[in-house]
Amino acid sequence: MPRNKKTSNSGAGVSDRAQQLLKLLIENYIRDGSPVGSGTLARSGQLDLSSATIRNVMADLEDLGLIESPHTSAGRIPTTKGFRFFVDSLLTVDHLNDSEIGKLKVELDAGIEPKQLVSKTSDVLSAFTHMAGVVTIPRPETVMMRHVEFLPLSNNRVLTILVMNEEDIHNRIIHTTRKYSPSELTQAANYLNEAFAGKNLNAVRQMLVKEMQETRDRMNSMMLAAIEMANQVFAREHDTADYVLAGQTNLMDFADMENVDKLKQLFEAFNAKRDILHLLDQSMHAEGVQIFLGEESGYNALGGCSLVTSPYEVNGQIAGVLGVIGPTRMRYDRVVPVVDITARLLGAALNRRS
């Protein structure tokens, strides 16, 4: 059973009979997208209850705030509180079969570059769920510095070539306080490579700050050059929080999300990234699969949406988070195992690359 963003006590006072009915009602609503009436539940053959008893139980569930009646419809739909109780206590998660797991393994091939692998993973999540797939870029704490080079450009600019892990190459143009000669840049790069190769970026950044504080009075020009440029390069890598998103247009296919204003607000949130990154960051500090339901996220743009996430690990440390964004009326029994297994496979593929 997935661990979730919030622990619900909404089930207090809900009888076994009411829980069975609520589970069936929500499964019907997820499948059909329409309010579910007592007649539909009675005809399902899964409840050994009379139509009158079903109506009474539905009234009790409505009083508890777990279901509601939209407009004047005779049917009921689950509330966010009802969905929370469902995913916390009633959800039966499917298992992916060997064929599906095999397809995921083939797609997440460790032979491609880490950046491409992250991008491919978001595509895979979208393809398997027909919703939006999101994957955060691995954090610097799990990225190892292998080699750095500095090449002089005009106007006090320097091209930095940073090799991380095995073959992940980042090019950056930085602006320095003065013009450095090619020999100074070579000496600075040699110093950094000798001192920090094989260490993760976060540790490199911390060591540079410490060294700068301890040796400022006796620094030679080479060390000043190295630290000035390294601080710019590694700080940018450390502070860059980003994610790759794929399949967001799939959300337009769901009747729940046909409201143009709602979609516009959601797509603006995707572009701004801040709110989505905040939610994903919360998942970094949690164990296993997390489910954020609708307004529980605290962001209006995500009302009516759910975010199912799981962290992935590299070198025994949490490196990032991946997940699926879709309507609250999603197949959690299907999405949860896809997210869970994809996180494990991505971590394994990145481990083989590091």
Foldseek 3Di string as FASTA:
>chain_A
DFDAPDDDPLCVPQDPLLLVLLLVQLVVCLVPVDFDALVNVVVVPPHPDDSVVSVVSVVVCVVSQQWDDPDPDNGIYGDLSVLNCCVNPPDDADADDPVVLVVLLVQQALPDDLVVSQQSLQVVLCVQFLFKKKWKRFALQQKFWAFKAWDFDPDQKIWIWTAIQFRDIDIDIDHDPDGDDRVLRVLLRVVCNVPGGGHGLVVSLVVLVVCCVPCVPPDDPSNVVNSRVSNVVSVVRNPDIDMHMPNNVSQCVDPLPVPPVLSVLLVVCVVVVPLVSVVFVVQQPDAAKYKQAACSSVDPSRHQKMWIKHFADEPRHGTGMMTGIYGNSGDCSSRRNVRRSSSDSNRVSVNVRD
